[in-house]
Amino acid sequence: MLENIVDKKSNFDLTSKSTFSSEADVFTSRSYAALLARNTIPYFHRKLADNYVIIKKIFKFQAVMSRINNSEKTLLKKYDFNTLEFTTMKQMFDELALLQKWSVDPKLKFEAEKLLEIRVKELKFLDASRYASISNEIYRGYLALEHYLQEISRFPN
């Protein structure tokens, strides 16, 4: 009996599509489930997500079209993050998991909040302008961030 359970677990495909994904999106079930563990999502993440979803519902697009400035780009480079246009889904999942961990540590909490604000600002710009300089299916980290924000928001889509 125990051997059957072990055999079934070892055949579990970690790269299968999530039930939340469409044909255009490829999410790994491991990463998506880890990010959506409701008890580990910081309050600041939910606050930004609610803001993003409400503005998108009211205006049907993002009203803010400001790009990130040089100091924000420098902060991203300090932690070896690419701009959102050049971020893959795997990189975005790793970044979000890292920002969730940093939100617990009092020393890194401010940096984590600032980095997430920058990411949401980039997402708003991409959404408002409907433009990404890279139109490759590899660099779709902005979709992962948008799905994350919609899932953790208190307001249904």
C-alpha atoms as a PDB file:
ATOM      1  CA  MET A   1       0.000   0.000   0.000  1.00  0.00           C
ATOM      2  CA  LEU A   2       2.740   2.469   0.922  1.00  0.00           C
ATOM      3  CA  GLU A   3       4.674   1.585  -2.238  1.00  0.00           C
ATOM      4  CA  ASN A   4       1.650   2.499  -4.383  1.00  0.00           C
ATOM      5  CA  ILE A   5       1.489   5.943  -2.806  1.00  0.00           C
ATOM      6  CA  VAL A   6       5.206   6.516  -3.286  1.00  0.00           C
ATOM      7  CA  ASP A   7       5.000   5.405  -6.928  1.00  0.00           C
ATOM      8  CA  LYS A   8       2.080   7.735  -7.627  1.00  0.00           C
ATOM      9  CA  LYS A   9       3.825  10.680  -5.969  1.00  0.00           C
ATOM     10  CA  SER A  10       7.029  10.170  -7.906  1.00  0.00           C
ATOM     11  CA  ASN A  11       5.116  10.330 -11.196  1.00  0.00           C
ATOM     12  CA  PHE A  12       3.582  13.704 -10.335  1.00  0.00           C
ATOM     13  CA  ASP A  13       4.430  16.225 -13.035  1.00  0.00           C
ATOM     14  CA  LEU A  14       5.546  19.518 -11.518  1.00  0.00           C
ATOM     15  CA  THR A  15       5.436  21.309 -14.855  1.00  0.00           C
ATOM     16  CA  SER A  16       1.822  20.511 -15.707  1.00  0.00           C
ATOM     17  CA  LYS A  17      -0.549  23.371 -16.396  1.00  0.00           C
ATOM     18  CA  SER A  18      -2.499  24.811 -13.539  1.00  0.00           C
ATOM     19  CA  THR A  19      -6.286  24.781 -13.618  1.00  0.00           C
ATOM     20  CA  PHE A  20      -6.167  28.586 -13.493  1.00  0.00           C
ATOM     21  CA  SER A  21      -4.165  28.896 -16.707  1.00  0.00           C
ATOM     22  CA  SER A  22      -5.404  29.287 -20.250  1.00  0.00           C
ATOM     23  CA  GLU A  23      -3.811  27.858 -23.362  1.00  0.00           C
ATOM     24  CA  ALA A  24      -1.633  30.945 -23.830  1.00  0.00           C
ATOM     25  CA  ASP A  25      -0.279  30.856 -20.287  1.00  0.00           C
ATOM     26  CA  VAL A  26       2.052  28.238 -18.942  1.00  0.00           C
ATOM     27  CA  PHE A  27       2.271  28.144 -15.168  1.00  0.00           C
ATOM     28  CA  THR A  28       4.000  25.479 -13.173  1.00  0.00           C
ATOM     29  CA  SER A  29       1.687  24.039 -10.585  1.00  0.00           C
ATOM     30  CA  ARG A  30       4.440  24.119  -7.949  1.00  0.00           C
ATOM     31  CA  SER A  31       5.209  27.815  -8.359  1.00  0.00           C
ATOM     32  CA  TYR A  32       1.605  28.943  -8.639  1.00  0.00           C
ATOM     33  CA  ALA A  33       0.465  26.945  -5.622  1.00  0.00           C
ATOM     34  CA  ALA A  34       3.373  28.246  -3.567  1.00  0.00           C
ATOM     35  CA  LEU A  35       2.544  31.846  -4.395  1.00  0.00           C
ATOM     36  CA  LEU A  36      -1.143  31.494  -3.654  1.00  0.00           C
ATOM     37  CA  ALA A  37      -0.744  30.060  -0.187  1.00  0.00           C
ATOM     38  CA  ARG A  38      -3.086  32.620   1.380  1.00  0.00           C
ATOM     39  CA  ASN A  39      -1.513  32.566   4.831  1.00  0.00           C
ATOM     40  CA  THR A  40       1.885  33.782   3.594  1.00  0.00           C
ATOM     41  CA  ILE A  41       0.772  36.755   1.497  1.00  0.00           C
ATOM     42  CA  PRO A  42       1.744  40.021   3.195  1.00  0.00           C
ATOM     43  CA  TYR A  43      -0.786  42.781   3.730  1.00  0.00           C
ATOM     44  CA  PHE A  44       1.125  45.175   1.465  1.00  0.00           C
ATOM     45  CA  HIS A  45       0.847  42.715  -1.460  1.00  0.00           C
ATOM     46  CA  ARG A  46      -2.932  42.548  -0.993  1.00  0.00           C
ATOM     47  CA  LYS A  47      -3.178  46.336  -0.746  1.00  0.00           C
ATOM     48  CA  LEU A  48      -1.346  46.843  -4.042  1.00  0.00           C
ATOM     49  CA  ALA A  49      -3.391  44.073  -5.656  1.00  0.00           C
ATOM     50  CA  ASP A  50      -6.672  45.646  -4.550  1.00  0.00           C
ATOM     51  CA  ASN A  51      -5.566  49.022  -5.892  1.00  0.00           C
ATOM     52  CA  TYR A  52      -4.580  47.483  -9.229  1.00  0.00           C
ATOM     53  CA  VAL A  53      -7.823  45.499  -9.626  1.00  0.00           C
ATOM     54  CA  ILE A  54     -10.126  48.384  -8.616  1.00  0.00           C
ATOM     55  CA  ILE A  55      -8.510  50.824 -11.044  1.00  0.00           C
ATOM     56  CA  LYS A  56      -8.636  48.250 -13.819  1.00  0.00           C
ATOM     57  CA  LYS A  57     -12.329  47.525 -13.121  1.00  0.00           C
ATOM     58  CA  ILE A  58     -13.373  51.170 -13.045  1.00  0.00           C
ATOM     59  CA  PHE A  59     -11.399  52.446 -16.025  1.00  0.00           C
ATOM     60  CA  LYS A  60     -11.039  49.115 -17.917  1.00  0.00           C
ATOM     61  CA  PHE A  61      -7.376  50.060 -18.281  1.00  0.00           C
ATOM     62  CA  GLN A  62      -4.695  51.559 -16.109  1.00  0.00           C
ATOM     63  CA  ALA A  63      -4.927  55.330 -15.811  1.00  0.00           C
ATOM     64  CA  VAL A  64      -1.298  55.739 -14.705  1.00  0.00           C
ATOM     65  CA  MET A  65       1.191  55.753 -17.550  1.00  0.00           C
ATOM     66  CA  SER A  66       4.426  56.774 -15.833  1.00  0.00           C
ATOM     67  CA  ARG A  67       7.594  54.842 -16.545  1.00  0.00           C
ATOM     68  CA  ILE A  68      10.024  53.877 -13.821  1.00  0.00           C
ATOM     69  CA  ASN A  69      12.817  56.359 -13.236  1.00  0.00           C
ATOM     70  CA  ASN A  70      16.569  55.780 -13.034  1.00  0.00           C
ATOM     71  CA  SER A  71      16.665  55.408  -9.246  1.00  0.00           C
ATOM     72  CA  GLU A  72      14.037  52.653  -9.462  1.00  0.00           C
ATOM     73  CA  LYS A  73      15.998  50.918 -12.235  1.00  0.00           C
ATOM     74  CA  THR A  74      19.079  51.118 -10.023  1.00  0.00           C
ATOM     75  CA  LEU A  75      17.202  49.479  -7.162  1.00  0.00           C
ATOM     76  CA  LEU A  76      16.114  46.660  -9.485  1.00  0.00           C
ATOM     77  CA  LYS A  77      19.694  46.168 -10.680  1.00  0.00           C
ATOM     78  CA  LYS A  78      20.947  46.161  -7.088  1.00  0.00           C
ATOM     79  CA  TYR A  79      18.989  42.955  -6.500  1.00  0.00           C
ATOM     80  CA  ASP A  80      19.713  41.610  -9.997  1.00  0.00           C
ATOM     81  CA  PHE A  81      16.129  41.972 -11.256  1.00  0.00           C
ATOM     82  CA  ASN A  82      15.421  42.661 -14.919  1.00  0.00           C
ATOM     83  CA  THR A  83      12.817  45.160 -15.997  1.00  0.00           C
ATOM     84  CA  LEU A  84       9.360  43.636 -16.296  1.00  0.00           C
ATOM     85  CA  GLU A  85       9.518  43.501 -20.083  1.00  0.00           C
ATOM     86  CA  PHE A  86      12.564  41.244 -19.919  1.00  0.00           C
ATOM     87  CA  THR A  87      11.352  38.947 -17.127  1.00  0.00           C
ATOM     88  CA  THR A  88      10.260  35.377 -17.679  1.00  0.00           C
ATOM     89  CA  MET A  89       7.437  33.731 -15.755  1.00  0.00           C
ATOM     90  CA  LYS A  90       9.877  31.622 -13.753  1.00  0.00           C
ATOM     91  CA  GLN A  91      11.889  34.692 -12.784  1.00  0.00           C
ATOM     92  CA  MET A  92       8.701  36.481 -11.733  1.00  0.00           C
ATOM     93  CA  PHE A  93       7.562  33.567  -9.573  1.00  0.00           C
ATOM     94  CA  ASP A  94      10.989  33.465  -7.928  1.00  0.00           C
ATOM     95  CA  GLU A  95      10.936  37.231  -7.353  1.00  0.00           C
ATOM     96  CA  LEU A  96       7.450  37.164  -5.826  1.00  0.00           C
ATOM     97  CA  ALA A  97       8.402  34.309  -3.522  1.00  0.00           C
ATOM     98  CA  LEU A  98      11.523  36.231  -2.492  1.00  0.00           C
ATOM     99  CA  LEU A  99       9.528  39.409  -1.852  1.00  0.00           C
ATOM    100  CA  GLN A 100       7.071  37.442   0.291  1.00  0.00           C
ATOM    101  CA  LYS A 101       9.956  36.133   2.399  1.00  0.00           C
ATOM    102  CA  TRP A 102      11.539  39.567   2.706  1.00  0.00           C
ATOM    103  CA  SER A 103       8.242  41.083   3.882  1.00  0.00           C
ATOM    104  CA  VAL A 104       8.540  39.101   7.108  1.00  0.00           C
ATOM    105  CA  ASP A 105      12.035  40.381   7.912  1.00  0.00           C
ATOM    106  CA  PRO A 106      11.902  43.891   9.456  1.00  0.00           C
ATOM    107  CA  LYS A 107      15.252  44.843   7.900  1.00  0.00           C
ATOM    108  CA  LEU A 108      14.211  43.953   4.358  1.00  0.00           C
ATOM    109  CA  LYS A 109      10.524  44.855   4.547  1.00  0.00           C
ATOM    110  CA  PHE A 110      10.947  48.392   3.175  1.00  0.00           C
ATOM    111  CA  GLU A 111      13.051  47.166   0.243  1.00  0.00           C
ATOM    112  CA  ALA A 112      10.532  44.415  -0.565  1.00  0.00           C
ATOM    113  CA  GLU A 113       7.646  46.867  -0.551  1.00  0.00           C
ATOM    114  CA  LYS A 114       9.547  49.314  -2.755  1.00  0.00           C
ATOM    115  CA  LEU A 115      10.447  46.565  -5.234  1.00  0.00           C
ATOM    116  CA  LEU A 116       6.842  45.387  -5.469  1.00  0.00           C
ATOM    117  CA  GLU A 117       5.678  48.983  -5.987  1.00  0.00           C
ATOM    118  CA  ILE A 118       8.134  49.279  -8.869  1.00  0.00           C
ATOM    119  CA  ARG A 119       6.872  46.035 -10.385  1.00  0.00           C
ATOM    120  CA  VAL A 120       3.243  47.143 -10.168  1.00  0.00           C
ATOM    121  CA  LYS A 121       4.176  50.526 -11.654  1.00  0.00           C
ATOM    122  CA  GLU A 122       5.843  48.748 -14.573  1.00  0.00           C
ATOM    123  CA  LEU A 123       2.790  46.533 -15.010  1.00  0.00           C
ATOM    124  CA  LYS A 124       0.485  49.563 -15.040  1.00  0.00           C
ATOM    125  CA  PHE A 125       2.615  51.190 -17.717  1.00  0.00           C
ATOM    126  CA  LEU A 126       2.639  48.069 -19.880  1.00  0.00           C
ATOM    127  CA  ASP A 127      -1.102  47.645 -19.423  1.00  0.00           C
ATOM    128  CA  ALA A 128      -1.921  51.293 -20.161  1.00  0.00           C
ATOM    129  CA  SER A 129       0.273  51.559 -23.222  1.00  0.00           C
ATOM    130  CA  ARG A 130      -0.518  48.010 -24.392  1.00  0.00           C
ATOM    131  CA  TYR A 131       3.069  47.823 -25.453  1.00  0.00           C
ATOM    132  CA  ALA A 132       6.004  45.599 -24.673  1.00  0.00           C
ATOM    133  CA  SER A 133       9.261  46.123 -26.539  1.00  0.00           C
ATOM    134  CA  ILE A 134       9.800  42.365 -26.505  1.00  0.00           C
ATOM    135  CA  SER A 135       6.907  40.452 -28.014  1.00  0.00           C
ATOM    136  CA  ASN A 136       8.325  37.034 -27.339  1.00  0.00           C
ATOM    137  CA  GLU A 137       6.401  34.314 -25.553  1.00  0.00           C
ATOM    138  CA  ILE A 138       9.388  33.663 -23.309  1.00  0.00           C
ATOM    139  CA  TYR A 139       9.272  37.079 -21.634  1.00  0.00           C
ATOM    140  CA  ARG A 140       5.804  36.975 -20.082  1.00  0.00           C
ATOM    141  CA  GLY A 141       6.605  37.771 -16.491  1.00  0.00           C
ATOM    142  CA  TYR A 142       4.106  40.610 -16.593  1.00  0.00           C
ATOM    143  CA  LEU A 143       1.300  38.063 -17.108  1.00  0.00           C
ATOM    144  CA  ALA A 144       2.427  36.105 -14.066  1.00  0.00           C
ATOM    145  CA  LEU A 145       2.467  39.302 -11.990  1.00  0.00           C
ATOM    146  CA  GLU A 146      -0.993  40.309 -13.222  1.00  0.00           C
ATOM    147  CA  HIS A 147      -2.454  36.880 -12.424  1.00  0.00           C
ATOM    148  CA  TYR A 148      -0.834  36.975  -8.994  1.00  0.00           C
ATOM    149  CA  LEU A 149      -2.350  40.382  -8.233  1.00  0.00           C
ATOM    150  CA  GLN A 150      -5.790  39.292  -9.419  1.00  0.00           C
ATOM    151  CA  GLU A 151      -5.706  36.111  -7.367  1.00  0.00           C
ATOM    152  CA  ILE A 152      -4.707  37.746  -4.076  1.00  0.00           C
ATOM    153  CA  SER A 153      -7.100  40.660  -4.437  1.00  0.00           C
ATOM    154  CA  ARG A 154     -10.230  40.705  -2.293  1.00  0.00           C
ATOM    155  CA  PHE A 155     -12.315  41.817  -5.251  1.00  0.00           C
ATOM    156  CA  PRO A 156     -13.457  39.178  -7.743  1.00  0.00           C
ATOM    157  CA  ASN A 157     -12.610  39.631 -11.403  1.00  0.00           C
END
